[in-house]
Amino acid sequence: MSQTNNRSDKRPTLPKALKINLTLTTLNLDANWIVENGGQALAEALKTNSNLTTLNLAGSWIRSSVAVSLSEALNTNSTLTTLGLQNNLIGDNGVLTLSEALKFNSTLTTLYLQDNLIRDRGDQALAGALKTNLNLTTLNSWNNSIRDSGAQALAKALNLNSNLVFLDLAGNSFESIGAQALAEALRMNSALMILELRNNSIGDNGAQALHQMSLSKRCIVEH
């Protein structure tokens, strides 16, 4: 075996490097192919890493099994503030475990979940997490498959949540019932500043309810 190969064998893999690195704060792995073993190893490294604040895993073919591992890491990691999981294949099962982690995580402030095959079951789990989470300020879940029941669940969560300032639900599948529920939630919520609802079928009744509510609140509603 050549000396070059010997040196290559001794180089730490990325997950191993993260366990000992003391300076890296941002890691962008956008548009890679992160298979199950690699994702699990990365999540394991996050359990002990104490300096990474931003992790972008967008468009990396991540499925629910890797999302489960990342959720376990969020239960112990105390530094990560931004997690980008957009344009993956997490689905409802992955979001269920992420939502459980959000109930206890005390550092994550920004979560990108757009374009992830999330339906009402996953959205309702997110809503449950928002009822108790005290840190998340930005949640992006556009271009999923959230219907009226999911929007209604989020609306109920907004009645209790006092820290979310940006919520993007554009490009989903809810109609006027979901939009009216979100408009009603704005009566109680004083924290939300921007609510994105474009490219949903909210109809005239939903649009009117949102418009009337936005006139009396600081929140900017795009629909």
N, C-alpha and C. Protein backbone atom coordinates (compact mmCIF):
# COMPACT_ATOMS: atom_id res chain seq x y z
N MET A 1 0.85 -1.20 0.00
CA MET A 1 0.00 0.00 0.00
C MET A 1 0.88 1.24 0.00
N SER A 2 0.54 2.22 -0.78
CA SER A 2 1.38 3.42 -0.89
C SER A 2 1.28 4.28 0.34
N GLN A 3 2.26 5.18 0.50
CA GLN A 3 2.25 6.11 1.62
C GLN A 3 1.07 7.06 1.53
N THR A 4 0.69 7.41 0.30
CA THR A 4 -0.44 8.32 0.14
C THR A 4 -1.71 7.70 0.69
N ASN A 5 -1.94 6.42 0.39
CA ASN A 5 -3.12 5.75 0.91
C ASN A 5 -3.09 5.62 2.42
N ASN A 6 -1.89 5.38 2.96
CA ASN A 6 -1.78 5.30 4.41
C ASN A 6 -2.17 6.61 5.07
N ARG A 7 -1.72 7.72 4.48
CA ARG A 7 -2.07 9.02 5.05
C ARG A 7 -3.58 9.26 4.94
N SER A 8 -4.19 8.86 3.84
CA SER A 8 -5.62 9.07 3.65
C SER A 8 -6.42 8.28 4.68
N ASP A 9 -5.97 7.10 4.99
CA ASP A 9 -6.69 6.29 5.96
C ASP A 9 -6.72 6.93 7.33
N LYS A 10 -5.70 7.74 7.62
CA LYS A 10 -5.60 8.34 8.95
C LYS A 10 -6.36 9.66 9.07
N ARG A 11 -6.88 10.14 7.95
CA ARG A 11 -7.62 11.39 8.00
C ARG A 11 -8.98 11.16 8.65
N PRO A 12 -9.37 12.03 9.56
CA PRO A 12 -10.66 11.84 10.21
C PRO A 12 -11.81 12.10 9.25
N THR A 13 -12.89 11.33 9.37
CA THR A 13 -14.09 11.62 8.61
C THR A 13 -14.72 12.89 9.17
N LEU A 14 -15.68 13.44 8.42
CA LEU A 14 -16.32 14.68 8.86
C LEU A 14 -16.98 14.54 10.22
N PRO A 15 -17.78 13.50 10.47
CA PRO A 15 -18.37 13.37 11.81
C PRO A 15 -17.33 13.28 12.92
N LYS A 16 -16.24 12.55 12.68
CA LYS A 16 -15.19 12.45 13.70
C LYS A 16 -14.52 13.80 13.91
N ALA A 17 -14.34 14.54 12.83
CA ALA A 17 -13.73 15.86 12.96
C ALA A 17 -14.60 16.80 13.77
N LEU A 18 -15.91 16.69 13.58
CA LEU A 18 -16.83 17.56 14.32
C LEU A 18 -16.78 17.31 15.82
N LYS A 19 -16.44 16.10 16.19
CA LYS A 19 -16.38 15.77 17.62
C LYS A 19 -15.22 16.47 18.32
N ILE A 20 -14.16 16.79 17.55
CA ILE A 20 -12.98 17.38 18.18
C ILE A 20 -12.73 18.82 17.76
N ASN A 21 -13.41 19.27 16.70
CA ASN A 21 -13.20 20.64 16.22
C ASN A 21 -13.76 21.64 17.21
N LEU A 22 -13.00 22.71 17.47
CA LEU A 22 -13.39 23.70 18.46
C LEU A 22 -13.65 25.07 17.85
N THR A 23 -13.60 25.19 16.52
CA THR A 23 -13.73 26.52 15.91
C THR A 23 -14.86 26.63 14.88
N LEU A 24 -15.21 25.55 14.20
CA LEU A 24 -16.22 25.62 13.14
C LEU A 24 -17.59 25.97 13.71
N THR A 25 -18.23 27.01 13.15
CA THR A 25 -19.56 27.41 13.60
C THR A 25 -20.64 27.20 12.54
N THR A 26 -20.24 27.12 11.26
CA THR A 26 -21.21 26.95 10.18
C THR A 26 -20.77 25.82 9.26
N LEU A 27 -21.69 24.90 8.99
CA LEU A 27 -21.39 23.78 8.10
C LEU A 27 -22.49 23.68 7.05
N ASN A 28 -22.10 23.83 5.78
CA ASN A 28 -23.03 23.78 4.67
C ASN A 28 -22.80 22.52 3.84
N LEU A 29 -23.75 21.59 3.91
CA LEU A 29 -23.68 20.35 3.15
C LEU A 29 -24.81 20.27 2.13
N ASP A 30 -25.21 21.41 1.65
CA ASP A 30 -26.30 21.52 0.69
C ASP A 30 -26.04 20.66 -0.55
N ALA A 31 -27.10 19.97 -0.99
CA ALA A 31 -27.07 19.20 -2.25
C ALA A 31 -26.04 18.08 -2.25
N ASN A 32 -25.91 17.39 -1.13
CA ASN A 32 -25.13 16.17 -1.07
C ASN A 32 -26.08 14.98 -0.99
N TRP A 33 -25.54 13.81 -1.00
CA TRP A 33 -26.33 12.60 -0.86
C TRP A 33 -25.95 11.98 0.48
N ILE A 34 -26.73 12.28 1.49
CA ILE A 34 -26.40 11.83 2.85
C ILE A 34 -27.20 10.56 3.13
N VAL A 35 -26.53 9.44 3.07
CA VAL A 35 -27.19 8.16 3.30
C VAL A 35 -27.39 7.95 4.79
N GLU A 36 -28.09 6.89 5.14
CA GLU A 36 -28.50 6.69 6.53
C GLU A 36 -27.30 6.63 7.48
N ASN A 37 -26.29 5.84 7.17
CA ASN A 37 -25.15 5.71 8.07
C ASN A 37 -24.42 7.04 8.25
N GLY A 38 -24.25 7.77 7.15
CA GLY A 38 -23.57 9.05 7.24
C GLY A 38 -24.36 10.06 8.05
N GLY A 39 -25.67 10.07 7.86
CA GLY A 39 -26.52 10.99 8.62
C GLY A 39 -26.52 10.67 10.10
N GLN A 40 -26.55 9.39 10.42
CA GLN A 40 -26.53 8.98 11.82
C GLN A 40 -25.20 9.33 12.48
N ALA A 41 -24.11 9.18 11.75
CA ALA A 41 -22.79 9.55 12.29
C ALA A 41 -22.70 11.05 12.52
N LEU A 42 -23.25 11.82 11.59
CA LEU A 42 -23.25 13.27 11.74
C LEU A 42 -24.07 13.68 12.96
N ALA A 43 -25.23 13.07 13.13
CA ALA A 43 -26.07 13.37 14.28
C ALA A 43 -25.37 13.00 15.59
N GLU A 44 -24.66 11.89 15.58
CA GLU A 44 -23.92 11.46 16.78
C GLU A 44 -22.86 12.49 17.15
N ALA A 45 -22.22 13.06 16.14
CA ALA A 45 -21.21 14.09 16.40
C ALA A 45 -21.83 15.35 17.01
N LEU A 46 -23.04 15.66 16.60
CA LEU A 46 -23.72 16.86 17.13
C LEU A 46 -24.01 16.74 18.62
N LYS A 47 -24.10 15.52 19.11
CA LYS A 47 -24.39 15.33 20.53
C LYS A 47 -23.28 15.87 21.42
N THR A 48 -22.05 15.87 20.89
CA THR A 48 -20.92 16.32 21.70
C THR A 48 -20.30 17.62 21.20
N ASN A 49 -20.59 18.01 19.95
CA ASN A 49 -20.05 19.26 19.41
C ASN A 49 -20.62 20.44 20.19
N SER A 50 -19.75 21.39 20.54
CA SER A 50 -20.17 22.50 21.39
C SER A 50 -19.93 23.87 20.77
N ASN A 51 -19.75 23.93 19.44
CA ASN A 51 -19.51 25.23 18.83
C ASN A 51 -20.28 25.46 17.53
N LEU A 52 -20.77 24.41 16.86
CA LEU A 52 -21.50 24.58 15.62
C LEU A 52 -22.85 25.24 15.90
N THR A 53 -23.14 26.34 15.18
CA THR A 53 -24.40 27.04 15.37
C THR A 53 -25.34 26.93 14.17
N THR A 54 -24.78 26.66 12.98
CA THR A 54 -25.59 26.58 11.76
C THR A 54 -25.24 25.33 10.98
N LEU A 55 -26.26 24.53 10.67
CA LEU A 55 -26.07 23.31 9.88
C LEU A 55 -27.09 23.30 8.75
N ASN A 56 -26.59 23.28 7.52
CA ASN A 56 -27.45 23.25 6.34
C ASN A 56 -27.33 21.91 5.63
N LEU A 57 -28.42 21.17 5.62
CA LEU A 57 -28.48 19.85 4.98
C LEU A 57 -29.53 19.84 3.88
N ALA A 58 -29.77 20.99 3.28
CA ALA A 58 -30.81 21.11 2.27
C ALA A 58 -30.51 20.24 1.05
N GLY A 59 -31.55 19.68 0.46
CA GLY A 59 -31.41 18.94 -0.79
C GLY A 59 -30.44 17.79 -0.73
N SER A 60 -30.43 17.06 0.38
CA SER A 60 -29.45 15.98 0.56
C SER A 60 -30.09 14.61 0.65
N TRP A 61 -31.32 14.47 0.16
CA TRP A 61 -32.02 13.19 0.12
C TRP A 61 -32.19 12.57 1.50
N ILE A 62 -32.32 13.42 2.51
CA ILE A 62 -32.49 12.94 3.87
C ILE A 62 -33.90 12.38 4.06
N ARG A 63 -33.96 11.19 4.60
CA ARG A 63 -35.24 10.54 4.87
C ARG A 63 -35.55 10.54 6.37
N SER A 64 -36.66 9.95 6.73
CA SER A 64 -37.12 10.03 8.11
C SER A 64 -36.14 9.40 9.10
N SER A 65 -35.42 8.35 8.69
CA SER A 65 -34.50 7.69 9.62
C SER A 65 -33.38 8.63 10.06
N VAL A 66 -32.87 9.44 9.15
CA VAL A 66 -31.83 10.41 9.52
C VAL A 66 -32.43 11.53 10.36
N ALA A 67 -33.67 11.91 10.05
CA ALA A 67 -34.35 12.94 10.85
C ALA A 67 -34.51 12.47 12.30
N VAL A 68 -34.76 11.19 12.48
CA VAL A 68 -34.86 10.64 13.84
C VAL A 68 -33.53 10.80 14.58
N SER A 69 -32.43 10.50 13.91
CA SER A 69 -31.11 10.64 14.53
C SER A 69 -30.81 12.10 14.87
N LEU A 70 -31.15 13.00 13.97
CA LEU A 70 -30.93 14.42 14.22
C LEU A 70 -31.78 14.89 15.40
N SER A 71 -32.97 14.36 15.51
CA SER A 71 -33.84 14.72 16.64
C SER A 71 -33.22 14.31 17.97
N GLU A 72 -32.64 13.14 17.99
CA GLU A 72 -31.96 12.67 19.20
C GLU A 72 -30.81 13.59 19.56
N ALA A 73 -30.11 14.08 18.54
CA ALA A 73 -29.00 15.00 18.79
C ALA A 73 -29.49 16.32 19.37
N LEU A 74 -30.65 16.78 18.90
CA LEU A 74 -31.20 18.05 19.39
C LEU A 74 -31.59 17.97 20.86
N ASN A 75 -31.80 16.77 21.35
CA ASN A 75 -32.15 16.61 22.75
C ASN A 75 -30.98 16.94 23.67
N THR A 76 -29.75 16.85 23.14
CA THR A 76 -28.58 17.10 23.98
C THR A 76 -27.73 18.28 23.50
N ASN A 77 -27.77 18.59 22.20
CA ASN A 77 -26.96 19.68 21.67
C ASN A 77 -27.43 21.01 22.24
N SER A 78 -26.48 21.86 22.64
CA SER A 78 -26.84 23.12 23.29
C SER A 78 -26.29 24.34 22.56
N THR A 79 -25.87 24.19 21.30
CA THR A 79 -25.31 25.33 20.58
C THR A 79 -25.97 25.60 19.23
N LEU A 80 -26.54 24.59 18.59
CA LEU A 80 -27.10 24.76 17.25
C LEU A 80 -28.32 25.69 17.30
N THR A 81 -28.29 26.74 16.49
CA THR A 81 -29.40 27.68 16.44
C THR A 81 -30.17 27.64 15.13
N THR A 82 -29.52 27.19 14.04
CA THR A 82 -30.17 27.15 12.73
C THR A 82 -29.97 25.78 12.11
N LEU A 83 -31.09 25.15 11.70
CA LEU A 83 -31.04 23.84 11.07
C LEU A 83 -31.83 23.89 9.76
N GLY A 84 -31.12 23.66 8.65
CA GLY A 84 -31.75 23.67 7.34
C GLY A 84 -31.97 22.27 6.82
N LEU A 85 -33.22 21.86 6.75
CA LEU A 85 -33.57 20.52 6.26
C LEU A 85 -34.48 20.60 5.05
N GLN A 86 -34.53 21.75 4.40
CA GLN A 86 -35.45 21.93 3.28
C GLN A 86 -35.07 21.06 2.09
N ASN A 87 -36.09 20.79 1.26
CA ASN A 87 -35.90 20.02 0.03
C ASN A 87 -35.34 18.62 0.28
N ASN A 88 -35.92 17.94 1.24
CA ASN A 88 -35.55 16.56 1.54
C ASN A 88 -36.79 15.67 1.52
N LEU A 89 -36.69 14.50 2.11
CA LEU A 89 -37.77 13.51 2.08
C LEU A 89 -38.13 13.07 3.50
N ILE A 90 -38.21 14.03 4.41
CA ILE A 90 -38.40 13.70 5.83
C ILE A 90 -39.79 13.13 6.10
N GLY A 91 -40.80 13.73 5.53
CA GLY A 91 -42.16 13.24 5.71
C GLY A 91 -42.68 13.39 7.13
N ASP A 92 -43.88 12.90 7.35
CA ASP A 92 -44.51 13.04 8.67
C ASP A 92 -43.75 12.33 9.77
N ASN A 93 -43.23 11.14 9.50
CA ASN A 93 -42.52 10.38 10.53
C ASN A 93 -41.29 11.13 11.03
N GLY A 94 -40.55 11.74 10.12
CA GLY A 94 -39.39 12.51 10.54
C GLY A 94 -39.78 13.73 11.33
N VAL A 95 -40.85 14.39 10.93
CA VAL A 95 -41.29 15.60 11.63
C VAL A 95 -41.83 15.27 13.01
N LEU A 96 -42.42 14.10 13.17
CA LEU A 96 -42.92 13.70 14.49
C LEU A 96 -41.79 13.68 15.51
N THR A 97 -40.66 13.12 15.15
CA THR A 97 -39.54 13.05 16.10
C THR A 97 -38.88 14.42 16.28
N LEU A 98 -38.79 15.20 15.20
CA LEU A 98 -38.25 16.55 15.34
C LEU A 98 -39.12 17.39 16.27
N SER A 99 -40.41 17.22 16.17
CA SER A 99 -41.34 17.98 17.02
C SER A 99 -41.15 17.62 18.49
N GLU A 100 -40.94 16.36 18.76
CA GLU A 100 -40.69 15.95 20.16
C GLU A 100 -39.43 16.60 20.69
N ALA A 101 -38.40 16.66 19.84
CA ALA A 101 -37.15 17.29 20.26
C ALA A 101 -37.33 18.77 20.52
N LEU A 102 -38.16 19.42 19.73
CA LEU A 102 -38.39 20.86 19.89
C LEU A 102 -39.06 21.19 21.23
N LYS A 103 -39.75 20.23 21.80
CA LYS A 103 -40.39 20.46 23.09
C LYS A 103 -39.38 20.66 24.20
N PHE A 104 -38.16 20.15 23.99
CA PHE A 104 -37.14 20.20 25.03
C PHE A 104 -35.90 20.99 24.65
N ASN A 105 -35.65 21.14 23.34
CA ASN A 105 -34.47 21.88 22.90
C ASN A 105 -34.60 23.35 23.30
N SER A 106 -33.49 23.94 23.77
CA SER A 106 -33.54 25.31 24.29
C SER A 106 -32.67 26.28 23.50
N THR A 107 -32.16 25.87 22.34
CA THR A 107 -31.27 26.75 21.60
C THR A 107 -31.68 27.01 20.16
N LEU A 108 -32.36 26.07 19.50
CA LEU A 108 -32.70 26.22 18.09
C LEU A 108 -33.69 27.37 17.91
N THR A 109 -33.35 28.30 17.02
CA THR A 109 -34.24 29.44 16.76
C THR A 109 -34.80 29.43 15.34
N THR A 110 -34.14 28.74 14.41
CA THR A 110 -34.56 28.76 13.01
C THR A 110 -34.59 27.34 12.46
N LEU A 111 -35.74 26.97 11.88
CA LEU A 111 -35.90 25.62 11.34
C LEU A 111 -36.53 25.71 9.95
N TYR A 112 -35.83 25.17 8.95
CA TYR A 112 -36.32 25.16 7.57
C TYR A 112 -36.78 23.75 7.21
N LEU A 113 -38.07 23.62 6.94
CA LEU A 113 -38.65 22.32 6.62
C LEU A 113 -39.41 22.33 5.30
N GLN A 114 -39.22 23.36 4.49
CA GLN A 114 -39.99 23.45 3.27
C GLN A 114 -39.69 22.30 2.31
N ASP A 115 -40.72 21.92 1.55
CA ASP A 115 -40.60 20.91 0.51
C ASP A 115 -40.09 19.58 1.08
N ASN A 116 -40.87 19.00 2.01
CA ASN A 116 -40.44 17.79 2.70
C ASN A 116 -41.54 16.73 2.82
N LEU A 117 -42.56 16.83 1.98
CA LEU A 117 -43.64 15.84 1.98
C LEU A 117 -44.37 15.79 3.33
N ILE A 118 -44.49 16.94 3.98
CA ILE A 118 -45.16 17.01 5.28
C ILE A 118 -46.66 17.17 5.07
N ARG A 119 -47.43 16.33 5.72
CA ARG A 119 -48.88 16.42 5.66
C ARG A 119 -49.45 16.82 7.02
N ASP A 120 -50.75 16.67 7.19
CA ASP A 120 -51.39 17.18 8.41
C ASP A 120 -50.85 16.54 9.68
N ARG A 121 -50.53 15.24 9.62
CA ARG A 121 -50.05 14.57 10.84
C ARG A 121 -48.75 15.19 11.32
N GLY A 122 -47.85 15.46 10.40
CA GLY A 122 -46.60 16.11 10.77
C GLY A 122 -46.82 17.54 11.22
N ASP A 123 -47.71 18.24 10.54
CA ASP A 123 -47.97 19.63 10.89
C ASP A 123 -48.61 19.74 12.28
N GLN A 124 -49.49 18.82 12.60
CA GLN A 124 -50.11 18.82 13.92
C GLN A 124 -49.08 18.54 15.01
N ALA A 125 -48.10 17.72 14.70
CA ALA A 125 -47.02 17.48 15.66
C ALA A 125 -46.20 18.75 15.87
N LEU A 126 -45.91 19.46 14.78
CA LEU A 126 -45.21 20.74 14.90
C LEU A 126 -45.99 21.72 15.75
N ALA A 127 -47.29 21.74 15.53
CA ALA A 127 -48.15 22.64 16.31
C ALA A 127 -48.07 22.31 17.79
N GLY A 128 -48.04 21.02 18.11
CA GLY A 128 -47.91 20.63 19.51
C GLY A 128 -46.61 21.12 20.12
N ALA A 129 -45.54 21.07 19.33
CA ALA A 129 -44.25 21.54 19.83
C ALA A 129 -44.25 23.05 20.05
N LEU A 130 -44.92 23.78 19.17
CA LEU A 130 -44.95 25.24 19.28
C LEU A 130 -45.70 25.71 20.53
N LYS A 131 -46.54 24.86 21.06
CA LYS A 131 -47.28 25.25 22.26
C LYS A 131 -46.37 25.38 23.48
N THR A 132 -45.24 24.66 23.46
CA THR A 132 -44.35 24.68 24.63
C THR A 132 -42.95 25.22 24.33
N ASN A 133 -42.54 25.20 23.03
CA ASN A 133 -41.20 25.68 22.69
C ASN A 133 -41.09 27.17 22.96
N LEU A 134 -39.98 27.58 23.56
CA LEU A 134 -39.80 28.97 23.97
C LEU A 134 -38.71 29.68 23.17
N ASN A 135 -38.15 29.04 22.15
CA ASN A 135 -36.98 29.62 21.48
C ASN A 135 -37.14 29.83 19.98
N LEU A 136 -37.91 28.98 19.32
CA LEU A 136 -38.01 29.05 17.87
C LEU A 136 -38.66 30.36 17.43
N THR A 137 -37.97 31.09 16.56
CA THR A 137 -38.50 32.35 16.06
C THR A 137 -38.86 32.28 14.58
N THR A 138 -38.26 31.34 13.83
CA THR A 138 -38.51 31.22 12.40
C THR A 138 -38.82 29.77 12.05
N LEU A 139 -39.98 29.56 11.42
CA LEU A 139 -40.37 28.23 10.97
C LEU A 139 -40.84 28.33 9.53
N ASN A 140 -40.17 27.61 8.65
CA ASN A 140 -40.51 27.64 7.23
C ASN A 140 -41.00 26.26 6.82
N SER A 141 -42.26 26.21 6.40
CA SER A 141 -42.85 24.93 5.99
C SER A 141 -43.66 25.10 4.71
N TRP A 142 -43.13 25.90 3.77
CA TRP A 142 -43.84 26.07 2.50
C TRP A 142 -43.67 24.85 1.60
N ASN A 143 -44.58 24.74 0.67
CA ASN A 143 -44.56 23.68 -0.34
C ASN A 143 -44.56 22.28 0.27
N ASN A 144 -45.42 22.11 1.27
CA ASN A 144 -45.70 20.78 1.78
C ASN A 144 -47.15 20.45 1.42
N SER A 145 -47.82 19.65 2.18
CA SER A 145 -49.20 19.28 1.85
C SER A 145 -50.12 19.51 3.04
N ILE A 146 -49.98 20.67 3.66
CA ILE A 146 -50.76 21.00 4.85
C ILE A 146 -52.16 21.43 4.44
N ARG A 147 -53.16 20.77 4.99
CA ARG A 147 -54.54 21.08 4.67
C ARG A 147 -55.19 21.87 5.82
N ASP A 148 -56.51 22.01 5.78
CA ASP A 148 -57.20 22.85 6.77
C ASP A 148 -56.96 22.38 8.20
N SER A 149 -57.00 21.07 8.43
CA SER A 149 -56.82 20.58 9.80
C SER A 149 -55.43 20.91 10.33
N GLY A 150 -54.44 20.87 9.45
CA GLY A 150 -53.08 21.24 9.87
C GLY A 150 -52.98 22.72 10.18
N ALA A 151 -53.59 23.55 9.34
CA ALA A 151 -53.58 24.99 9.58
C ALA A 151 -54.33 25.34 10.86
N GLN A 152 -55.41 24.64 11.12
CA GLN A 152 -56.17 24.87 12.35
C GLN A 152 -55.35 24.50 13.58
N ALA A 153 -54.59 23.42 13.49
CA ALA A 153 -53.73 23.02 14.61
C ALA A 153 -52.66 24.07 14.87
N LEU A 154 -52.08 24.60 13.80
CA LEU A 154 -51.08 25.66 13.97
C LEU A 154 -51.71 26.91 14.56
N ALA A 155 -52.92 27.21 14.16
CA ALA A 155 -53.61 28.38 14.69
C ALA A 155 -53.79 28.26 16.21
N LYS A 156 -54.17 27.09 16.67
CA LYS A 156 -54.32 26.87 18.11
C LYS A 156 -52.98 27.04 18.82
N ALA A 157 -51.91 26.60 18.18
CA ALA A 157 -50.58 26.75 18.78
C ALA A 157 -50.20 28.22 18.88
N LEU A 158 -50.56 29.00 17.87
CA LEU A 158 -50.23 30.43 17.89
C LEU A 158 -50.95 31.17 19.00
N ASN A 159 -52.05 30.63 19.47
CA ASN A 159 -52.75 31.24 20.60
C ASN A 159 -51.91 31.20 21.87
N LEU A 160 -50.98 30.23 21.92
CA LEU A 160 -50.16 30.04 23.11
C LEU A 160 -48.71 30.47 22.91
N ASN A 161 -48.23 30.39 21.68
CA ASN A 161 -46.82 30.68 21.40
C ASN A 161 -46.56 32.17 21.47
N SER A 162 -45.44 32.54 22.09
CA SER A 162 -45.12 33.97 22.26
C SER A 162 -43.74 34.32 21.74
N ASN A 163 -43.14 33.46 20.91
CA ASN A 163 -41.79 33.75 20.43
C ASN A 163 -41.62 33.65 18.91
N LEU A 164 -42.51 32.94 18.21
CA LEU A 164 -42.39 32.80 16.76
C LEU A 164 -42.70 34.14 16.10
N VAL A 165 -41.77 34.62 15.26
CA VAL A 165 -41.98 35.90 14.58
C VAL A 165 -42.16 35.74 13.07
N PHE A 166 -41.73 34.60 12.50
CA PHE A 166 -41.85 34.37 11.06
C PHE A 166 -42.37 32.96 10.83
N LEU A 167 -43.49 32.86 10.11
CA LEU A 167 -44.07 31.57 9.79
C LEU A 167 -44.44 31.55 8.31
N ASP A 168 -43.86 30.62 7.56
CA ASP A 168 -44.10 30.51 6.13
C ASP A 168 -44.85 29.22 5.84
N LEU A 169 -46.10 29.38 5.40
CA LEU A 169 -46.95 28.24 5.03
C LEU A 169 -47.40 28.35 3.58
N ALA A 170 -46.66 29.09 2.78
CA ALA A 170 -47.02 29.28 1.38
C ALA A 170 -46.95 27.95 0.62
N GLY A 171 -47.77 27.85 -0.43
CA GLY A 171 -47.70 26.68 -1.30
C GLY A 171 -48.15 25.39 -0.66
N ASN A 172 -49.12 25.46 0.26
CA ASN A 172 -49.67 24.26 0.85
C ASN A 172 -51.06 23.99 0.29
N SER A 173 -51.90 23.28 1.02
CA SER A 173 -53.16 22.83 0.45
C SER A 173 -54.37 23.20 1.30
N PHE A 174 -54.25 24.20 2.17
CA PHE A 174 -55.41 24.56 2.98
C PHE A 174 -56.24 25.64 2.28
N GLU A 175 -57.50 25.72 2.70
CA GLU A 175 -58.44 26.62 2.06
C GLU A 175 -58.94 27.67 3.06
N SER A 176 -60.12 28.17 2.87
CA SER A 176 -60.60 29.29 3.67
C SER A 176 -60.74 28.95 5.15
N ILE A 177 -61.11 27.71 5.47
CA ILE A 177 -61.26 27.32 6.87
C ILE A 177 -59.93 27.46 7.61
N GLY A 178 -58.86 26.98 7.01
CA GLY A 178 -57.54 27.11 7.64
C GLY A 178 -57.11 28.55 7.74
N ALA A 179 -57.36 29.33 6.69
CA ALA A 179 -56.97 30.74 6.70
C ALA A 179 -57.73 31.52 7.76
N GLN A 180 -59.01 31.26 7.89
CA GLN A 180 -59.80 31.96 8.90
C GLN A 180 -59.35 31.60 10.32
N ALA A 181 -58.96 30.35 10.51
CA ALA A 181 -58.44 29.94 11.82
C ALA A 181 -57.15 30.68 12.15
N LEU A 182 -56.28 30.82 11.16
CA LEU A 182 -55.02 31.56 11.38
C LEU A 182 -55.30 33.04 11.64
N ALA A 183 -56.26 33.60 10.93
CA ALA A 183 -56.62 34.99 11.16
C ALA A 183 -57.13 35.20 12.58
N GLU A 184 -57.93 34.27 13.05
CA GLU A 184 -58.46 34.37 14.42
C GLU A 184 -57.34 34.24 15.45
N ALA A 185 -56.35 33.41 15.14
CA ALA A 185 -55.23 33.23 16.07
C ALA A 185 -54.44 34.53 16.26
N LEU A 186 -54.43 35.35 15.22
CA LEU A 186 -53.69 36.62 15.32
C LEU A 186 -54.29 37.56 16.35
N ARG A 187 -55.55 37.34 16.72
CA ARG A 187 -56.16 38.16 17.76
C ARG A 187 -55.43 38.00 19.09
N MET A 188 -55.00 36.77 19.35
CA MET A 188 -54.35 36.47 20.62
C MET A 188 -52.84 36.61 20.55
N ASN A 189 -52.27 36.33 19.39
CA ASN A 189 -50.81 36.30 19.26
C ASN A 189 -50.27 37.71 19.03
N SER A 190 -49.28 38.07 19.82
CA SER A 190 -48.68 39.40 19.69
C SER A 190 -47.23 39.36 19.24
N ALA A 191 -46.72 38.17 18.95
CA ALA A 191 -45.31 38.02 18.59
C ALA A 191 -45.09 37.91 17.09
N LEU A 192 -45.99 37.23 16.38
CA LEU A 192 -45.78 36.96 14.96
C LEU A 192 -45.76 38.26 14.15
N MET A 193 -44.71 38.41 13.36
CA MET A 193 -44.53 39.62 12.56
C MET A 193 -44.81 39.38 11.07
N ILE A 194 -44.50 38.19 10.56
CA ILE A 194 -44.70 37.88 9.15
C ILE A 194 -45.34 36.50 9.02
N LEU A 195 -46.45 36.45 8.28
CA LEU A 195 -47.14 35.20 8.01
C LEU A 195 -47.31 35.07 6.50
N GLU A 196 -46.63 34.09 5.92
CA GLU A 196 -46.66 33.86 4.47
C GLU A 196 -47.67 32.77 4.14
N LEU A 197 -48.67 33.13 3.33
CA LEU A 197 -49.72 32.17 2.97
C LEU A 197 -49.97 32.11 1.48
N ARG A 198 -49.09 32.63 0.69
CA ARG A 198 -49.33 32.67 -0.75
C ARG A 198 -49.42 31.27 -1.35
N ASN A 199 -50.15 31.21 -2.46
CA ASN A 199 -50.32 29.94 -3.20
C ASN A 199 -51.02 28.87 -2.38
N ASN A 200 -52.00 29.30 -1.60
CA ASN A 200 -52.99 28.41 -1.01
C ASN A 200 -54.35 28.81 -1.58
N SER A 201 -55.33 27.96 -1.43
CA SER A 201 -56.66 28.25 -1.98
C SER A 201 -57.57 28.79 -0.87
N ILE A 202 -57.21 29.96 -0.33
CA ILE A 202 -57.92 30.48 0.84
C ILE A 202 -59.25 31.14 0.48
N GLY A 203 -59.49 31.45 -0.77
CA GLY A 203 -60.76 32.02 -1.19
C GLY A 203 -61.00 33.42 -0.66
N ASP A 204 -62.15 33.98 -1.02
CA ASP A 204 -62.49 35.35 -0.62
C ASP A 204 -62.69 35.48 0.88
N ASN A 205 -63.34 34.50 1.49
CA ASN A 205 -63.60 34.57 2.92
C ASN A 205 -62.31 34.53 3.73
N GLY A 206 -61.41 33.65 3.33
CA GLY A 206 -60.13 33.57 4.02
C GLY A 206 -59.32 34.83 3.84
N ALA A 207 -59.30 35.36 2.61
CA ALA A 207 -58.53 36.57 2.33
C ALA A 207 -59.09 37.76 3.10
N GLN A 208 -60.41 37.85 3.18
CA GLN A 208 -61.03 38.97 3.90
C GLN A 208 -60.72 38.90 5.39
N ALA A 209 -60.81 37.71 5.96
CA ALA A 209 -60.53 37.55 7.39
C ALA A 209 -59.09 37.93 7.70
N LEU A 210 -58.17 37.52 6.86
CA LEU A 210 -56.75 37.84 7.08
C LEU A 210 -56.50 39.33 6.90
N HIS A 211 -57.12 39.93 5.91
CA HIS A 211 -56.93 41.36 5.67
C HIS A 211 -57.45 42.18 6.84
N GLN A 212 -58.62 41.86 7.32
CA GLN A 212 -59.18 42.61 8.43
C GLN A 212 -58.32 42.50 9.68
N MET A 213 -57.80 41.30 9.90
CA MET A 213 -56.98 41.12 11.09
C MET A 213 -55.64 41.83 10.96
N SER A 214 -55.06 41.83 9.78
CA SER A 214 -53.76 42.47 9.60
C SER A 214 -53.85 43.98 9.76
N LEU A 215 -55.03 44.56 9.54
CA LEU A 215 -55.19 46.00 9.71
C LEU A 215 -55.05 46.43 11.17
N SER A 216 -55.39 45.54 12.06
CA SER A 216 -55.36 45.89 13.49
C SER A 216 -54.16 45.29 14.22
N LYS A 217 -53.27 44.59 13.49
CA LYS A 217 -52.11 43.97 14.10
C LYS A 217 -50.85 44.42 13.40
N ARG A 218 -49.71 44.22 14.04
CA ARG A 218 -48.42 44.54 13.43
C ARG A 218 -48.01 43.52 12.39
N CYS A 219 -48.64 42.36 12.42
CA CYS A 219 -48.24 41.25 11.55
C CYS A 219 -48.48 41.56 10.07
N ILE A 220 -47.49 41.26 9.24
CA ILE A 220 -47.63 41.37 7.80
C ILE A 220 -48.07 40.01 7.26
N VAL A 221 -49.22 39.99 6.61
CA VAL A 221 -49.76 38.75 6.07
C VAL A 221 -49.69 38.80 4.56
N GLU A 222 -48.96 37.86 3.97
CA GLU A 222 -48.86 37.76 2.52
C GLU A 222 -49.71 36.59 2.05
N HIS A 223 -50.69 36.89 1.17
CA HIS A 223 -51.57 35.82 0.68
C HIS A 223 -52.00 36.10 -0.75
